[in-house]
Amino acid sequence: MVTAIVFIKADVARIPEVAGQVAAIDGVSEVYSVTGGLDLIAMVRVAHHEDLASVIPDQVNRVPGVQSTETHIAFRTYSTHDLEAAFSLGQEDGV
């Protein structure tokens, strides 16, 4: 699995539509609206490195309202979220 983090600058008047269209692309797992110098961040997860080309330049960059993108490819994932979720299975809230 290859994970890419895509920073997206979009036409401000079209951010909700751009986010929805990007989120609908196969391979895009999440799209976040963010503050700062960017408008959106998309998480792209594909099976092979070469699959990124069909998702990012061929689809994300062509969504109307996308002005520019910057892609960062993840080497490794470090997350306690998945571990915490696994250990909490079957527990009730507050226990």
Protein backbone atom coordinates (compact mmCIF):
# COMPACT_ATOMS: atom_id res chain seq x y z
CA MET A 1 0.00 0.00 0.00
CA VAL A 2 1.32 3.42 -0.99
CA THR A 3 0.06 6.48 0.85
CA ALA A 4 0.32 9.99 -0.55
CA ILE A 5 -0.69 13.22 1.15
CA VAL A 6 -1.87 15.75 -1.43
CA PHE A 7 -1.99 19.45 -0.55
CA ILE A 8 -4.59 21.21 -2.69
CA LYS A 9 -5.10 24.90 -3.40
CA ALA A 10 -8.56 25.50 -4.78
CA ASP A 11 -10.79 28.29 -6.00
CA VAL A 12 -12.16 29.58 -2.68
CA ALA A 13 -15.70 29.84 -4.04
CA ARG A 14 -15.61 26.16 -5.04
CA ILE A 15 -13.94 24.47 -2.05
CA PRO A 16 -16.97 22.33 -1.01
CA GLU A 17 -17.55 21.13 -4.59
CA VAL A 18 -13.84 20.46 -5.15
CA ALA A 19 -13.64 18.50 -1.89
CA GLY A 20 -16.65 16.39 -2.82
CA GLN A 21 -15.35 15.62 -6.29
CA VAL A 22 -11.87 14.76 -5.03
CA ALA A 23 -13.32 12.53 -2.28
CA ALA A 24 -15.29 10.60 -4.92
CA ILE A 25 -12.11 9.60 -6.81
CA ASP A 26 -11.17 5.94 -6.39
CA GLY A 27 -8.01 5.81 -4.30
CA VAL A 28 -8.81 8.94 -2.27
CA SER A 29 -9.66 7.83 1.26
CA GLU A 30 -10.25 11.21 2.92
CA VAL A 31 -10.33 14.90 2.12
CA TYR A 32 -9.88 17.52 4.85
CA SER A 33 -10.72 21.21 4.68
CA VAL A 34 -7.88 22.99 6.50
CA THR A 35 -6.67 26.38 7.62
CA GLY A 36 -3.43 28.03 6.58
CA GLY A 37 -1.87 28.29 3.15
CA LEU A 38 -3.81 25.31 1.77
CA ASP A 39 -7.48 24.72 1.21
CA LEU A 40 -7.70 20.93 1.24
CA ILE A 41 -5.59 17.91 2.12
CA ALA A 42 -6.38 14.60 0.43
CA MET A 43 -5.15 11.21 1.59
CA VAL A 44 -4.53 8.90 -1.34
CA ARG A 45 -4.01 5.18 -0.76
CA VAL A 46 -3.23 2.91 -3.70
CA ALA A 47 -1.75 -0.56 -4.17
CA HIS A 48 1.23 0.43 -6.30
CA HIS A 49 3.40 3.50 -6.68
CA GLU A 50 2.55 3.80 -10.37
CA ASP A 51 -1.16 3.96 -9.48
CA LEU A 52 -0.55 7.44 -8.05
CA ALA A 53 -0.21 8.77 -11.60
CA SER A 54 -3.73 7.73 -12.50
CA VAL A 55 -5.16 9.29 -9.33
CA ILE A 56 -3.29 12.55 -8.80
CA PRO A 57 -2.29 14.09 -12.15
CA ASP A 58 -4.95 12.28 -14.18
CA GLN A 59 -7.91 12.93 -11.86
CA VAL A 60 -7.29 15.18 -8.83
CA ASN A 61 -5.49 17.87 -10.84
CA ARG A 62 -8.30 17.88 -13.41
CA VAL A 63 -11.13 18.57 -10.98
CA PRO A 64 -12.60 21.98 -11.88
CA GLY A 65 -11.53 24.48 -9.24
CA VAL A 66 -8.22 22.79 -8.34
CA GLN A 67 -5.55 25.44 -8.83
CA SER A 68 -2.46 23.49 -7.73
CA THR A 69 -1.36 20.40 -5.84
CA GLU A 70 1.72 19.32 -3.94
CA THR A 71 2.18 15.63 -3.26
CA HIS A 72 4.10 14.00 -0.40
CA ILE A 73 4.64 10.23 -0.42
CA ALA A 74 4.75 8.50 2.96
CA PHE A 75 7.63 6.12 3.72
CA ARG A 76 6.11 4.64 6.88
CA THR A 77 2.99 5.03 8.96
CA TYR A 78 3.26 5.60 12.70
CA SER A 79 -0.13 5.55 14.36
CA THR A 80 -1.38 4.73 17.83
CA HIS A 81 -4.97 5.22 16.65
CA ASP A 82 -5.25 1.72 15.15
CA LEU A 83 -3.68 0.09 18.20
CA GLU A 84 -5.96 1.96 20.61
CA ALA A 85 -9.01 0.97 18.56
CA ALA A 86 -7.99 -2.70 18.54
CA PHE A 87 -7.41 -2.82 22.31
CA SER A 88 -10.69 -1.09 23.06
CA LEU A 89 -12.85 -3.60 21.17
CA GLY A 90 -15.64 -4.88 23.38
CA GLN A 91 -15.13 -2.25 26.06
CA GLU A 92 -17.97 0.00 27.07
CA ASP A 93 -17.55 3.77 27.29
CA GLY A 94 -15.96 4.84 30.54
CA VAL A 95 -14.63 1.37 31.40
